[in-house]
Amino acid sequence: FGYDWFEKFCMKFNTTIVVVNNEDLSPQEELVQDIVSILHEFSCRLYGLRKYKKQIERDEEIAKELQDGN
């Protein structure tokens, strides 16, 4: 989905598109593939936030200790 838009955009700037993954998918299969990719991206972002949660909490504790100590 959206290939036609990118093709017109590239033609406007005299560039070409090189298709590396040339699978023939139905529109439904392509849509499912796009949705799965989007879900995967957001899942990775949430996992990354959880990874730093303890570090953020520790930094907040240190900041609070510094404020209380002054």
C-alpha atoms as a PDB file:
ATOM      1  CA  PHE A   1       0.000   0.000   0.000  1.00  0.00           C
ATOM      2  CA  GLY A   2       1.251   3.488  -0.810  1.00  0.00           C
ATOM      3  CA  TYR A   3       3.606   2.384  -3.575  1.00  0.00           C
ATOM      4  CA  ASP A   4       1.885   4.584  -6.159  1.00  0.00           C
ATOM      5  CA  TRP A   5       2.427   7.659  -3.977  1.00  0.00           C
ATOM      6  CA  PHE A   6       6.138   6.889  -3.559  1.00  0.00           C
ATOM      7  CA  GLU A   7       6.464   6.211  -7.271  1.00  0.00           C
ATOM      8  CA  LYS A   8       4.975   9.628  -8.149  1.00  0.00           C
ATOM      9  CA  PHE A   9       7.127  11.286  -5.484  1.00  0.00           C
ATOM     10  CA  CYS A  10      10.276   9.710  -6.907  1.00  0.00           C
ATOM     11  CA  MET A  11       9.319  10.644 -10.465  1.00  0.00           C
ATOM     12  CA  LYS A  12       8.932  14.261  -9.332  1.00  0.00           C
ATOM     13  CA  PHE A  13      12.581  14.297  -8.234  1.00  0.00           C
ATOM     14  CA  ASN A  14      13.866  12.156 -11.132  1.00  0.00           C
ATOM     15  CA  THR A  15      14.809   9.193  -8.940  1.00  0.00           C
ATOM     16  CA  THR A  16      14.071   5.513  -9.270  1.00  0.00           C
ATOM     17  CA  ILE A  17      12.783   2.873  -6.895  1.00  0.00           C
ATOM     18  CA  VAL A  18      14.702  -0.389  -6.581  1.00  0.00           C
ATOM     19  CA  VAL A  19      12.432  -3.186  -5.391  1.00  0.00           C
ATOM     20  CA  VAL A  20      14.389  -5.733  -3.355  1.00  0.00           C
ATOM     21  CA  ASN A  21      11.531  -7.870  -2.049  1.00  0.00           C
ATOM     22  CA  ASN A  22       9.350  -8.500  -5.081  1.00  0.00           C
ATOM     23  CA  GLU A  23       6.748 -10.865  -3.620  1.00  0.00           C
ATOM     24  CA  ASP A  24       3.404 -10.995  -5.370  1.00  0.00           C
ATOM     25  CA  LEU A  25       0.956 -10.561  -2.497  1.00  0.00           C
ATOM     26  CA  SER A  26      -2.739  -9.935  -2.592  1.00  0.00           C
ATOM     27  CA  PRO A  27      -3.858  -6.585  -1.159  1.00  0.00           C
ATOM     28  CA  GLN A  28      -5.173  -8.402   1.922  1.00  0.00           C
ATOM     29  CA  GLU A  29      -1.873 -10.220   2.500  1.00  0.00           C
ATOM     30  CA  GLU A  30       0.068  -7.006   2.051  1.00  0.00           C
ATOM     31  CA  LEU A  31      -2.197  -5.189   4.524  1.00  0.00           C
ATOM     32  CA  VAL A  32      -1.771  -7.969   7.102  1.00  0.00           C
ATOM     33  CA  GLN A  33       1.998  -7.839   6.638  1.00  0.00           C
ATOM     34  CA  ASP A  34       1.995  -4.059   7.154  1.00  0.00           C
ATOM     35  CA  ILE A  35      -0.162  -4.283  10.293  1.00  0.00           C
ATOM     36  CA  VAL A  36       2.069  -6.995  11.776  1.00  0.00           C
ATOM     37  CA  SER A  37       5.119  -4.817  11.097  1.00  0.00           C
ATOM     38  CA  ILE A  38       3.505  -1.840  12.839  1.00  0.00           C
ATOM     39  CA  LEU A  39       2.513  -3.969  15.855  1.00  0.00           C
ATOM     40  CA  HIS A  40       6.033  -5.340  16.062  1.00  0.00           C
ATOM     41  CA  GLU A  41       7.516  -1.830  16.058  1.00  0.00           C
ATOM     42  CA  PHE A  42       5.263  -0.622  18.874  1.00  0.00           C
ATOM     43  CA  SER A  43       5.916  -3.793  20.881  1.00  0.00           C
ATOM     44  CA  CYS A  44       9.654  -3.171  20.607  1.00  0.00           C
ATOM     45  CA  ARG A  45       9.208   0.393  21.812  1.00  0.00           C
ATOM     46  CA  LEU A  46       7.191  -0.735  24.836  1.00  0.00           C
ATOM     47  CA  TYR A  47       9.787  -3.374  25.655  1.00  0.00           C
ATOM     48  CA  GLY A  48      12.506  -0.728  25.425  1.00  0.00           C
ATOM     49  CA  LEU A  49      10.646   1.524  27.846  1.00  0.00           C
ATOM     50  CA  ARG A  50      10.307  -1.334  30.345  1.00  0.00           C
ATOM     51  CA  LYS A  51      14.028  -1.957  30.042  1.00  0.00           C
ATOM     52  CA  TYR A  52      14.826   1.541  31.307  1.00  0.00           C
ATOM     53  CA  LYS A  53      12.070   1.739  33.929  1.00  0.00           C
ATOM     54  CA  LYS A  54      14.313   0.681  36.839  1.00  0.00           C
ATOM     55  CA  GLN A  55      17.047   3.048  35.701  1.00  0.00           C
ATOM     56  CA  ILE A  56      14.577   5.935  35.571  1.00  0.00           C
ATOM     57  CA  GLU A  57      13.236   5.065  39.029  1.00  0.00           C
ATOM     58  CA  ARG A  58      16.788   4.906  40.405  1.00  0.00           C
ATOM     59  CA  ASP A  59      17.622   8.285  38.872  1.00  0.00           C
ATOM     60  CA  GLU A  60      14.504   9.777  40.485  1.00  0.00           C
ATOM     61  CA  GLU A  61      15.535   8.335  43.873  1.00  0.00           C
ATOM     62  CA  ILE A  62      19.018   9.821  43.538  1.00  0.00           C
ATOM     63  CA  ALA A  63      17.562  13.217  42.601  1.00  0.00           C
ATOM     64  CA  LYS A  64      15.238  13.102  45.613  1.00  0.00           C
ATOM     65  CA  GLU A  65      18.122  12.155  47.949  1.00  0.00           C
ATOM     66  CA  LEU A  66      20.184  15.051  46.616  1.00  0.00           C
ATOM     67  CA  GLN A  67      17.312  17.488  47.157  1.00  0.00           C
ATOM     68  CA  ASP A  68      16.686  16.212  50.698  1.00  0.00           C
ATOM     69  CA  GLY A  69      20.389  16.389  51.519  1.00  0.00           C
ATOM     70  CA  ASN A  70      20.716  20.062  50.553  1.00  0.00           C
END
